[in-house]
mmCIF file of all heavy atoms, coordinates in Angstrom:
data_MODEL
# 
_entry.id   MODEL 
# 
loop_
_atom_site.group_PDB 
_atom_site.id 
_atom_site.type_symbol 
_atom_site.label_atom_id 
_atom_site.label_alt_id 
_atom_site.label_comp_id 
_atom_site.label_asym_id 
_atom_site.label_entity_id 
_atom_site.label_seq_id 
_atom_site.pdbx_PDB_ins_code 
_atom_site.Cartn_x 
_atom_site.Cartn_y 
_atom_site.Cartn_z 
_atom_site.occupancy 
_atom_site.B_iso_or_equiv 
_atom_site.pdbx_formal_charge 
_atom_site.auth_seq_id 
_atom_site.auth_comp_id 
_atom_site.auth_asym_id 
_atom_site.auth_atom_id 
_atom_site.pdbx_PDB_model_num 
ATOM 1   N N   . ALA A 1 1  ? 22.426 -17.341 1.279   1.00 0.00 ? 1  ALA A N   1 
ATOM 2   C CA  . ALA A 1 1  ? 21.439 -18.417 1.200   1.00 0.00 ? 1  ALA A CA  1 
ATOM 3   C C   . ALA A 1 1  ? 20.279 -18.034 0.287   1.00 0.00 ? 1  ALA A C   1 
ATOM 4   O O   . ALA A 1 1  ? 19.844 -18.830 -0.558  1.00 0.00 ? 1  ALA A O   1 
ATOM 5   C CB  . ALA A 1 1  ? 20.921 -18.748 2.595   1.00 0.00 ? 1  ALA A CB  1 
ATOM 6   N N   . ILE A 1 2  ? 19.789 -16.822 0.438   1.00 0.00 ? 2  ILE A N   1 
ATOM 7   C CA  . ILE A 1 2  ? 18.657 -16.364 -0.377  1.00 0.00 ? 2  ILE A CA  1 
ATOM 8   C C   . ILE A 1 2  ? 19.055 -16.265 -1.842  1.00 0.00 ? 2  ILE A C   1 
ATOM 9   O O   . ILE A 1 2  ? 18.335 -16.723 -2.742  1.00 0.00 ? 2  ILE A O   1 
ATOM 10  C CB  . ILE A 1 2  ? 18.149 -14.999 0.131   1.00 0.00 ? 2  ILE A CB  1 
ATOM 11  C CG1 . ILE A 1 2  ? 17.509 -15.164 1.510   1.00 0.00 ? 2  ILE A CG1 1 
ATOM 12  C CG2 . ILE A 1 2  ? 17.144 -14.392 -0.849  1.00 0.00 ? 2  ILE A CG2 1 
ATOM 13  C CD1 . ILE A 1 2  ? 17.181 -13.841 2.187   1.00 0.00 ? 2  ILE A CD1 1 
ATOM 14  N N   . ASN A 1 3  ? 20.215 -15.682 -2.112  1.00 0.00 ? 3  ASN A N   1 
ATOM 15  C CA  . ASN A 1 3  ? 20.663 -15.509 -3.494  1.00 0.00 ? 3  ASN A CA  1 
ATOM 16  C C   . ASN A 1 3  ? 20.994 -16.834 -4.168  1.00 0.00 ? 3  ASN A C   1 
ATOM 17  O O   . ASN A 1 3  ? 20.733 -17.020 -5.360  1.00 0.00 ? 3  ASN A O   1 
ATOM 18  C CB  . ASN A 1 3  ? 21.881 -14.585 -3.544  1.00 0.00 ? 3  ASN A CB  1 
ATOM 19  C CG  . ASN A 1 3  ? 21.549 -13.148 -3.194  1.00 0.00 ? 3  ASN A CG  1 
ATOM 20  O OD1 . ASN A 1 3  ? 20.387 -12.768 -3.175  1.00 0.00 ? 3  ASN A OD1 1 
ATOM 21  N ND2 . ASN A 1 3  ? 22.550 -12.356 -2.909  1.00 0.00 ? 3  ASN A ND2 1 
ATOM 22  N N   . SER A 1 4  ? 21.577 -17.762 -3.413  1.00 0.00 ? 4  SER A N   1 
ATOM 23  C CA  . SER A 1 4  ? 21.958 -19.055 -3.987  1.00 0.00 ? 4  SER A CA  1 
ATOM 24  C C   . SER A 1 4  ? 20.741 -19.887 -4.362  1.00 0.00 ? 4  SER A C   1 
ATOM 25  O O   . SER A 1 4  ? 20.765 -20.615 -5.359  1.00 0.00 ? 4  SER A O   1 
ATOM 26  C CB  . SER A 1 4  ? 22.827 -19.846 -3.001  1.00 0.00 ? 4  SER A CB  1 
ATOM 27  O OG  . SER A 1 4  ? 24.046 -19.176 -2.737  1.00 0.00 ? 4  SER A OG  1 
ATOM 28  N N   . PHE A 1 5  ? 19.689 -19.773 -3.572  1.00 0.00 ? 5  PHE A N   1 
ATOM 29  C CA  . PHE A 1 5  ? 18.500 -20.593 -3.803  1.00 0.00 ? 5  PHE A CA  1 
ATOM 30  C C   . PHE A 1 5  ? 17.290 -19.719 -4.122  1.00 0.00 ? 5  PHE A C   1 
ATOM 31  O O   . PHE A 1 5  ? 16.171 -20.005 -3.686  1.00 0.00 ? 5  PHE A O   1 
ATOM 32  C CB  . PHE A 1 5  ? 18.240 -21.472 -2.583  1.00 0.00 ? 5  PHE A CB  1 
ATOM 33  C CG  . PHE A 1 5  ? 19.359 -22.432 -2.292  1.00 0.00 ? 5  PHE A CG  1 
ATOM 34  C CD1 . PHE A 1 5  ? 20.372 -22.094 -1.404  1.00 0.00 ? 5  PHE A CD1 1 
ATOM 35  C CD2 . PHE A 1 5  ? 19.412 -23.660 -2.928  1.00 0.00 ? 5  PHE A CD2 1 
ATOM 36  C CE1 . PHE A 1 5  ? 21.415 -22.969 -1.141  1.00 0.00 ? 5  PHE A CE1 1 
ATOM 37  C CE2 . PHE A 1 5  ? 20.450 -24.550 -2.672  1.00 0.00 ? 5  PHE A CE2 1 
ATOM 38  C CZ  . PHE A 1 5  ? 21.458 -24.200 -1.784  1.00 0.00 ? 5  PHE A CZ  1 
ATOM 39  N N   . ASN A 1 6  ? 17.529 -18.647 -4.890  1.00 0.00 ? 6  ASN A N   1 
ATOM 40  C CA  . ASN A 1 6  ? 16.446 -17.699 -5.182  1.00 0.00 ? 6  ASN A CA  1 
ATOM 41  C C   . ASN A 1 6  ? 15.321 -18.326 -5.989  1.00 0.00 ? 6  ASN A C   1 
ATOM 42  O O   . ASN A 1 6  ? 14.176 -17.892 -5.900  1.00 0.00 ? 6  ASN A O   1 
ATOM 43  C CB  . ASN A 1 6  ? 16.991 -16.452 -5.887  1.00 0.00 ? 6  ASN A CB  1 
ATOM 44  C CG  . ASN A 1 6  ? 17.747 -16.787 -7.169  1.00 0.00 ? 6  ASN A CG  1 
ATOM 45  O OD1 . ASN A 1 6  ? 17.899 -17.952 -7.533  1.00 0.00 ? 6  ASN A OD1 1 
ATOM 46  N ND2 . ASN A 1 6  ? 18.225 -15.769 -7.838  1.00 0.00 ? 6  ASN A ND2 1 
ATOM 47  N N   . LYS A 1 7  ? 15.625 -19.360 -6.768  1.00 0.00 ? 7  LYS A N   1 
ATOM 48  C CA  . LYS A 1 7  ? 14.574 -20.017 -7.542  1.00 0.00 ? 7  LYS A CA  1 
ATOM 49  C C   . LYS A 1 7  ? 13.587 -20.740 -6.642  1.00 0.00 ? 7  LYS A C   1 
ATOM 50  O O   . LYS A 1 7  ? 12.457 -21.016 -7.042  1.00 0.00 ? 7  LYS A O   1 
ATOM 51  C CB  . LYS A 1 7  ? 15.199 -21.003 -8.534  1.00 0.00 ? 7  LYS A CB  1 
ATOM 52  C CG  . LYS A 1 7  ? 15.998 -20.336 -9.648  1.00 0.00 ? 7  LYS A CG  1 
ATOM 53  C CD  . LYS A 1 7  ? 16.538 -21.360 -10.630 1.00 0.00 ? 7  LYS A CD  1 
ATOM 54  C CE  . LYS A 1 7  ? 17.327 -20.696 -11.744 1.00 0.00 ? 7  LYS A CE  1 
ATOM 55  N NZ  . LYS A 1 7  ? 17.879 -21.689 -12.697 1.00 0.00 ? 7  LYS A NZ  1 
ATOM 56  N N   . SER A 1 8  ? 14.021 -21.072 -5.433  1.00 0.00 ? 8  SER A N   1 
ATOM 57  C CA  . SER A 1 8  ? 13.139 -21.769 -4.491  1.00 0.00 ? 8  SER A CA  1 
ATOM 58  C C   . SER A 1 8  ? 12.214 -20.813 -3.765  1.00 0.00 ? 8  SER A C   1 
ATOM 59  O O   . SER A 1 8  ? 11.276 -21.240 -3.084  1.00 0.00 ? 8  SER A O   1 
ATOM 60  C CB  . SER A 1 8  ? 13.980 -22.540 -3.466  1.00 0.00 ? 8  SER A CB  1 
ATOM 61  O OG  . SER A 1 8  ? 14.842 -23.454 -4.105  1.00 0.00 ? 8  SER A OG  1 
ATOM 62  N N   . GLY A 1 9  ? 12.484 -19.513 -3.892  1.00 0.00 ? 9  GLY A N   1 
ATOM 63  C CA  . GLY A 1 9  ? 11.633 -18.511 -3.258  1.00 0.00 ? 9  GLY A CA  1 
ATOM 64  C C   . GLY A 1 9  ? 11.695 -18.526 -1.745  1.00 0.00 ? 9  GLY A C   1 
ATOM 65  O O   . GLY A 1 9  ? 10.715 -18.178 -1.069  1.00 0.00 ? 9  GLY A O   1 
ATOM 66  N N   . LEU A 1 10 ? 12.839 -18.913 -1.193  1.00 0.00 ? 10 LEU A N   1 
ATOM 67  C CA  . LEU A 1 10 ? 12.972 -18.977 0.260   1.00 0.00 ? 10 LEU A CA  1 
ATOM 68  C C   . LEU A 1 10 ? 13.105 -17.577 0.846   1.00 0.00 ? 10 LEU A C   1 
ATOM 69  O O   . LEU A 1 10 ? 13.899 -16.774 0.375   1.00 0.00 ? 10 LEU A O   1 
ATOM 70  C CB  . LEU A 1 10 ? 14.208 -19.798 0.646   1.00 0.00 ? 10 LEU A CB  1 
ATOM 71  C CG  . LEU A 1 10 ? 14.180 -21.289 0.281   1.00 0.00 ? 10 LEU A CG  1 
ATOM 72  C CD1 . LEU A 1 10 ? 15.529 -21.926 0.587   1.00 0.00 ? 10 LEU A CD1 1 
ATOM 73  C CD2 . LEU A 1 10 ? 13.076 -22.005 1.040   1.00 0.00 ? 10 LEU A CD2 1 
ATOM 74  N N   . SER A 1 11 ? 12.361 -17.300 1.894   1.00 0.00 ? 11 SER A N   1 
ATOM 75  C CA  . SER A 1 11 ? 12.478 -16.022 2.592   1.00 0.00 ? 11 SER A CA  1 
ATOM 76  C C   . SER A 1 11 ? 13.498 -16.164 3.710   1.00 0.00 ? 11 SER A C   1 
ATOM 77  O O   . SER A 1 11 ? 13.872 -17.277 4.106   1.00 0.00 ? 11 SER A O   1 
ATOM 78  C CB  . SER A 1 11 ? 11.128 -15.605 3.174   1.00 0.00 ? 11 SER A CB  1 
ATOM 79  O OG  . SER A 1 11 ? 10.740 -16.497 4.208   1.00 0.00 ? 11 SER A OG  1 
ATOM 80  N N   . SER A 1 12 ? 13.936 -15.038 4.260   1.00 0.00 ? 12 SER A N   1 
ATOM 81  C CA  . SER A 1 12 ? 14.894 -15.084 5.365   1.00 0.00 ? 12 SER A CA  1 
ATOM 82  C C   . SER A 1 12 ? 14.289 -15.786 6.581   1.00 0.00 ? 12 SER A C   1 
ATOM 83  O O   . SER A 1 12 ? 14.996 -16.486 7.311   1.00 0.00 ? 12 SER A O   1 
ATOM 84  C CB  . SER A 1 12 ? 15.351 -13.667 5.730   1.00 0.00 ? 12 SER A CB  1 
ATOM 85  O OG  . SER A 1 12 ? 14.248 -12.846 6.086   1.00 0.00 ? 12 SER A OG  1 
ATOM 86  N N   . SER A 1 13 ? 12.986 -15.626 6.793   1.00 0.00 ? 13 SER A N   1 
ATOM 87  C CA  . SER A 1 13 ? 12.328 -16.274 7.936   1.00 0.00 ? 13 SER A CA  1 
ATOM 88  C C   . SER A 1 13 ? 12.323 -17.793 7.787   1.00 0.00 ? 13 SER A C   1 
ATOM 89  O O   . SER A 1 13 ? 12.588 -18.525 8.753   1.00 0.00 ? 13 SER A O   1 
ATOM 90  C CB  . SER A 1 13 ? 10.891 -15.770 8.077   1.00 0.00 ? 13 SER A CB  1 
ATOM 91  O OG  . SER A 1 13 ? 10.866 -14.388 8.351   1.00 0.00 ? 13 SER A OG  1 
ATOM 92  N N   . VAL A 1 14 ? 12.029 -18.262 6.588   1.00 0.00 ? 14 VAL A N   1 
ATOM 93  C CA  . VAL A 1 14 ? 12.014 -19.711 6.338   1.00 0.00 ? 14 VAL A CA  1 
ATOM 94  C C   . VAL A 1 14 ? 13.414 -20.289 6.509   1.00 0.00 ? 14 VAL A C   1 
ATOM 95  O O   . VAL A 1 14 ? 13.601 -21.339 7.137   1.00 0.00 ? 14 VAL A O   1 
ATOM 96  C CB  . VAL A 1 14 ? 11.486 -20.008 4.918   1.00 0.00 ? 14 VAL A CB  1 
ATOM 97  C CG1 . VAL A 1 14 ? 11.686 -21.482 4.567   1.00 0.00 ? 14 VAL A CG1 1 
ATOM 98  C CG2 . VAL A 1 14 ? 10.017 -19.648 4.812   1.00 0.00 ? 14 VAL A CG2 1 
ATOM 99  N N   . ILE A 1 15 ? 14.402 -19.593 5.977   1.00 0.00 ? 15 ILE A N   1 
ATOM 100 C CA  . ILE A 1 15 ? 15.787 -20.049 6.104   1.00 0.00 ? 15 ILE A CA  1 
ATOM 101 C C   . ILE A 1 15 ? 16.202 -20.108 7.559   1.00 0.00 ? 15 ILE A C   1 
ATOM 102 O O   . ILE A 1 15 ? 16.804 -21.084 8.022   1.00 0.00 ? 15 ILE A O   1 
ATOM 103 C CB  . ILE A 1 15 ? 16.728 -19.119 5.312   1.00 0.00 ? 15 ILE A CB  1 
ATOM 104 C CG1 . ILE A 1 15 ? 16.516 -19.316 3.812   1.00 0.00 ? 15 ILE A CG1 1 
ATOM 105 C CG2 . ILE A 1 15 ? 18.189 -19.371 5.678   1.00 0.00 ? 15 ILE A CG2 1 
ATOM 106 C CD1 . ILE A 1 15 ? 17.252 -18.333 2.940   1.00 0.00 ? 15 ILE A CD1 1 
ATOM 107 N N   . LEU A 1 16 ? 15.865 -19.079 8.322   1.00 0.00 ? 16 LEU A N   1 
ATOM 108 C CA  . LEU A 1 16 ? 16.216 -19.033 9.738   1.00 0.00 ? 16 LEU A CA  1 
ATOM 109 C C   . LEU A 1 16 ? 15.584 -20.199 10.486  1.00 0.00 ? 16 LEU A C   1 
ATOM 110 O O   . LEU A 1 16 ? 16.231 -20.830 11.335  1.00 0.00 ? 16 LEU A O   1 
ATOM 111 C CB  . LEU A 1 16 ? 15.756 -17.709 10.339  1.00 0.00 ? 16 LEU A CB  1 
ATOM 112 C CG  . LEU A 1 16 ? 16.119 -17.455 11.802  1.00 0.00 ? 16 LEU A CG  1 
ATOM 113 C CD1 . LEU A 1 16 ? 17.628 -17.453 12.002  1.00 0.00 ? 16 LEU A CD1 1 
ATOM 114 C CD2 . LEU A 1 16 ? 15.525 -16.129 12.275  1.00 0.00 ? 16 LEU A CD2 1 
ATOM 115 N N   . ASN A 1 17 ? 14.335 -20.513 10.183  1.00 0.00 ? 17 ASN A N   1 
ATOM 116 C CA  . ASN A 1 17 ? 13.651 -21.625 10.843  1.00 0.00 ? 17 ASN A CA  1 
ATOM 117 C C   . ASN A 1 17 ? 14.310 -22.958 10.523  1.00 0.00 ? 17 ASN A C   1 
ATOM 118 O O   . ASN A 1 17 ? 14.445 -23.829 11.389  1.00 0.00 ? 17 ASN A O   1 
ATOM 119 C CB  . ASN A 1 17 ? 12.175 -21.663 10.431  1.00 0.00 ? 17 ASN A CB  1 
ATOM 120 C CG  . ASN A 1 17 ? 11.373 -20.530 11.035  1.00 0.00 ? 17 ASN A CG  1 
ATOM 121 O OD1 . ASN A 1 17 ? 11.742 -19.979 12.072  1.00 0.00 ? 17 ASN A OD1 1 
ATOM 122 N ND2 . ASN A 1 17 ? 10.288 -20.154 10.392  1.00 0.00 ? 17 ASN A ND2 1 
ATOM 123 N N   . LYS A 1 18 ? 14.724 -23.119 9.265   1.00 0.00 ? 18 LYS A N   1 
ATOM 124 C CA  . LYS A 1 18 ? 15.383 -24.360 8.856   1.00 0.00 ? 18 LYS A CA  1 
ATOM 125 C C   . LYS A 1 18 ? 16.744 -24.502 9.535   1.00 0.00 ? 18 LYS A C   1 
ATOM 126 O O   . LYS A 1 18 ? 17.139 -25.602 9.941   1.00 0.00 ? 18 LYS A O   1 
ATOM 127 C CB  . LYS A 1 18 ? 15.541 -24.400 7.334   1.00 0.00 ? 18 LYS A CB  1 
ATOM 128 C CG  . LYS A 1 18 ? 14.228 -24.583 6.566   1.00 0.00 ? 18 LYS A CG  1 
ATOM 129 C CD  . LYS A 1 18 ? 14.450 -24.571 5.072   1.00 0.00 ? 18 LYS A CD  1 
ATOM 130 C CE  . LYS A 1 18 ? 13.144 -24.749 4.289   1.00 0.00 ? 18 LYS A CE  1 
ATOM 131 N NZ  . LYS A 1 18 ? 12.581 -26.103 4.445   1.00 0.00 ? 18 LYS A NZ  1 
ATOM 132 N N   . LEU A 1 19 ? 17.455 -23.408 9.661   1.00 0.00 ? 19 LEU A N   1 
ATOM 133 C CA  . LEU A 1 19 ? 18.759 -23.448 10.329  1.00 0.00 ? 19 LEU A CA  1 
ATOM 134 C C   . LEU A 1 19 ? 18.594 -23.798 11.804  1.00 0.00 ? 19 LEU A C   1 
ATOM 135 O O   . LEU A 1 19 ? 19.366 -24.581 12.362  1.00 0.00 ? 19 LEU A O   1 
ATOM 136 C CB  . LEU A 1 19 ? 19.462 -22.094 10.201  1.00 0.00 ? 19 LEU A CB  1 
ATOM 137 C CG  . LEU A 1 19 ? 19.848 -21.619 8.794   1.00 0.00 ? 19 LEU A CG  1 
ATOM 138 C CD1 . LEU A 1 19 ? 20.533 -20.260 8.866   1.00 0.00 ? 19 LEU A CD1 1 
ATOM 139 C CD2 . LEU A 1 19 ? 20.765 -22.629 8.111   1.00 0.00 ? 19 LEU A CD2 1 
ATOM 140 N N   . SER A 1 20 ? 17.581 -23.212 12.434  1.00 0.00 ? 20 SER A N   1 
ATOM 141 C CA  . SER A 1 20 ? 17.353 -23.437 13.859  1.00 0.00 ? 20 SER A CA  1 
ATOM 142 C C   . SER A 1 20 ? 16.916 -24.865 14.149  1.00 0.00 ? 20 SER A C   1 
ATOM 143 O O   . SER A 1 20 ? 17.141 -25.377 15.247  1.00 0.00 ? 20 SER A O   1 
ATOM 144 C CB  . SER A 1 20 ? 16.284 -22.469 14.380  1.00 0.00 ? 20 SER A CB  1 
ATOM 145 O OG  . SER A 1 20 ? 16.706 -21.127 14.227  1.00 0.00 ? 20 SER A OG  1 
ATOM 146 N N   . ALA A 1 21 ? 16.298 -25.511 13.162  1.00 0.00 ? 21 ALA A N   1 
ATOM 147 C CA  . ALA A 1 21 ? 15.798 -26.876 13.358  1.00 0.00 ? 21 ALA A CA  1 
ATOM 148 C C   . ALA A 1 21 ? 16.880 -27.934 13.171  1.00 0.00 ? 21 ALA A C   1 
ATOM 149 O O   . ALA A 1 21 ? 16.681 -29.100 13.516  1.00 0.00 ? 21 ALA A O   1 
ATOM 150 C CB  . ALA A 1 21 ? 14.642 -27.152 12.392  1.00 0.00 ? 21 ALA A CB  1 
ATOM 151 N N   . ALA A 1 22 ? 18.028 -27.539 12.626  1.00 0.00 ? 22 ALA A N   1 
ATOM 152 C CA  . ALA A 1 22 ? 19.107 -28.495 12.366  1.00 0.00 ? 22 ALA A CA  1 
ATOM 153 C C   . ALA A 1 22 ? 19.796 -28.897 13.663  1.00 0.00 ? 22 ALA A C   1 
ATOM 154 O O   . ALA A 1 22 ? 19.677 -28.231 14.693  1.00 0.00 ? 22 ALA A O   1 
ATOM 155 C CB  . ALA A 1 22 ? 20.112 -27.896 11.394  1.00 0.00 ? 22 ALA A CB  1 
ATOM 156 N N   . ALA A 1 23 ? 20.550 -29.997 13.581  1.00 0.00 ? 23 ALA A N   1 
ATOM 157 C CA  . ALA A 1 23 ? 21.184 -30.562 14.778  1.00 0.00 ? 23 ALA A CA  1 
ATOM 158 C C   . ALA A 1 23 ? 22.546 -29.957 15.085  1.00 0.00 ? 23 ALA A C   1 
ATOM 159 O O   . ALA A 1 23 ? 23.186 -30.356 16.054  1.00 0.00 ? 23 ALA A O   1 
ATOM 160 C CB  . ALA A 1 23 ? 21.328 -32.074 14.601  1.00 0.00 ? 23 ALA A CB  1 
ATOM 161 N N   . VAL A 1 24 ? 23.006 -29.028 14.254  1.00 0.00 ? 24 VAL A N   1 
ATOM 162 C CA  . VAL A 1 24 ? 24.293 -28.370 14.504  1.00 0.00 ? 24 VAL A CA  1 
ATOM 163 C C   . VAL A 1 24 ? 24.079 -26.868 14.600  1.00 0.00 ? 24 VAL A C   1 
ATOM 164 O O   . VAL A 1 24 ? 22.983 -26.367 14.342  1.00 0.00 ? 24 VAL A O   1 
ATOM 165 C CB  . VAL A 1 24 ? 25.319 -28.696 13.394  1.00 0.00 ? 24 VAL A CB  1 
ATOM 166 C CG1 . VAL A 1 24 ? 25.605 -30.187 13.365  1.00 0.00 ? 24 VAL A CG1 1 
ATOM 167 C CG2 . VAL A 1 24 ? 24.832 -28.217 12.026  1.00 0.00 ? 24 VAL A CG2 1 
ATOM 168 N N   . SER A 1 25 ? 25.111 -26.139 14.937  1.00 0.00 ? 25 SER A N   1 
ATOM 169 C CA  . SER A 1 25 ? 24.966 -24.711 15.177  1.00 0.00 ? 25 SER A CA  1 
ATOM 170 C C   . SER A 1 25 ? 24.651 -23.932 13.910  1.00 0.00 ? 25 SER A C   1 
ATOM 171 O O   . SER A 1 25 ? 25.076 -24.301 12.808  1.00 0.00 ? 25 SER A O   1 
ATOM 172 C CB  . SER A 1 25 ? 26.254 -24.148 15.796  1.00 0.00 ? 25 SER A CB  1 
ATOM 173 O OG  . SER A 1 25 ? 27.294 -24.095 14.839  1.00 0.00 ? 25 SER A OG  1 
ATOM 174 N N   . GLU A 1 26 ? 23.911 -22.860 14.087  1.00 0.00 ? 26 GLU A N   1 
ATOM 175 C CA  . GLU A 1 26 ? 23.593 -21.978 12.962  1.00 0.00 ? 26 GLU A CA  1 
ATOM 176 C C   . GLU A 1 26 ? 24.855 -21.388 12.355  1.00 0.00 ? 26 GLU A C   1 
ATOM 177 O O   . GLU A 1 26 ? 24.925 -21.161 11.146  1.00 0.00 ? 26 GLU A O   1 
ATOM 178 C CB  . GLU A 1 26 ? 22.666 -20.845 13.421  1.00 0.00 ? 26 GLU A CB  1 
ATOM 179 C CG  . GLU A 1 26 ? 21.249 -21.281 13.790  1.00 0.00 ? 26 GLU A CG  1 
ATOM 180 C CD  . GLU A 1 26 ? 21.117 -21.686 15.240  1.00 0.00 ? 26 GLU A CD  1 
ATOM 181 O OE1 . GLU A 1 26 ? 22.158 -21.829 15.919  1.00 0.00 ? 26 GLU A OE1 1 
ATOM 182 O OE2 . GLU A 1 26 ? 19.981 -21.890 15.700  1.00 0.00 ? 26 GLU A OE2 1 
ATOM 183 N N   . ARG A 1 27 ? 25.864 -21.146 13.193  1.00 0.00 ? 27 ARG A N   1 
ATOM 184 C CA  . ARG A 1 27 ? 27.118 -20.585 12.689  1.00 0.00 ? 27 ARG A CA  1 
ATOM 185 C C   . ARG A 1 27 ? 27.761 -21.528 11.660  1.00 0.00 ? 27 ARG A C   1 
ATOM 186 O O   . ARG A 1 27 ? 28.180 -21.095 10.579  1.00 0.00 ? 27 ARG A O   1 
ATOM 187 C CB  . ARG A 1 27 ? 28.096 -20.337 13.841  1.00 0.00 ? 27 ARG A CB  1 
ATOM 188 C CG  . ARG A 1 27 ? 29.482 -19.892 13.380  1.00 0.00 ? 27 ARG A CG  1 
ATOM 189 C CD  . ARG A 1 27 ? 30.449 -19.811 14.547  1.00 0.00 ? 27 ARG A CD  1 
ATOM 190 N NE  . ARG A 1 27 ? 30.199 -18.628 15.350  1.00 0.00 ? 27 ARG A NE  1 
ATOM 191 C CZ  . ARG A 1 27 ? 30.742 -17.442 15.111  1.00 0.00 ? 27 ARG A CZ  1 
ATOM 192 N NH1 . ARG A 1 27 ? 31.558 -17.282 14.078  1.00 0.00 ? 27 ARG A NH1 1 
ATOM 193 N NH2 . ARG A 1 27 ? 30.482 -16.418 15.891  1.00 0.00 ? 27 ARG A NH2 1 
ATOM 194 N N   . ASP A 1 28 ? 27.858 -22.810 12.006  1.00 0.00 ? 28 ASP A N   1 
ATOM 195 C CA  . ASP A 1 28 ? 28.467 -23.771 11.081  1.00 0.00 ? 28 ASP A CA  1 
ATOM 196 C C   . ASP A 1 28 ? 27.671 -23.873 9.784   1.00 0.00 ? 28 ASP A C   1 
ATOM 197 O O   . ASP A 1 28 ? 28.245 -23.962 8.685   1.00 0.00 ? 28 ASP A O   1 
ATOM 198 C CB  . ASP A 1 28 ? 28.570 -25.151 11.736  1.00 0.00 ? 28 ASP A CB  1 
ATOM 199 C CG  . ASP A 1 28 ? 29.739 -25.248 12.707  1.00 0.00 ? 28 ASP A CG  1 
ATOM 200 O OD1 . ASP A 1 28 ? 30.811 -24.718 12.392  1.00 0.00 ? 28 ASP A OD1 1 
ATOM 201 O OD2 . ASP A 1 28 ? 29.583 -25.845 13.781  1.00 0.00 ? 28 ASP A OD2 1 
# 
């Protein structure tokens, strides 16, 4: 996720928060 969207400057913490806020499982 970080490498694919590195231009967006997303950190692992931001990505984790976005995944947790979604309506489906983090695994999917």
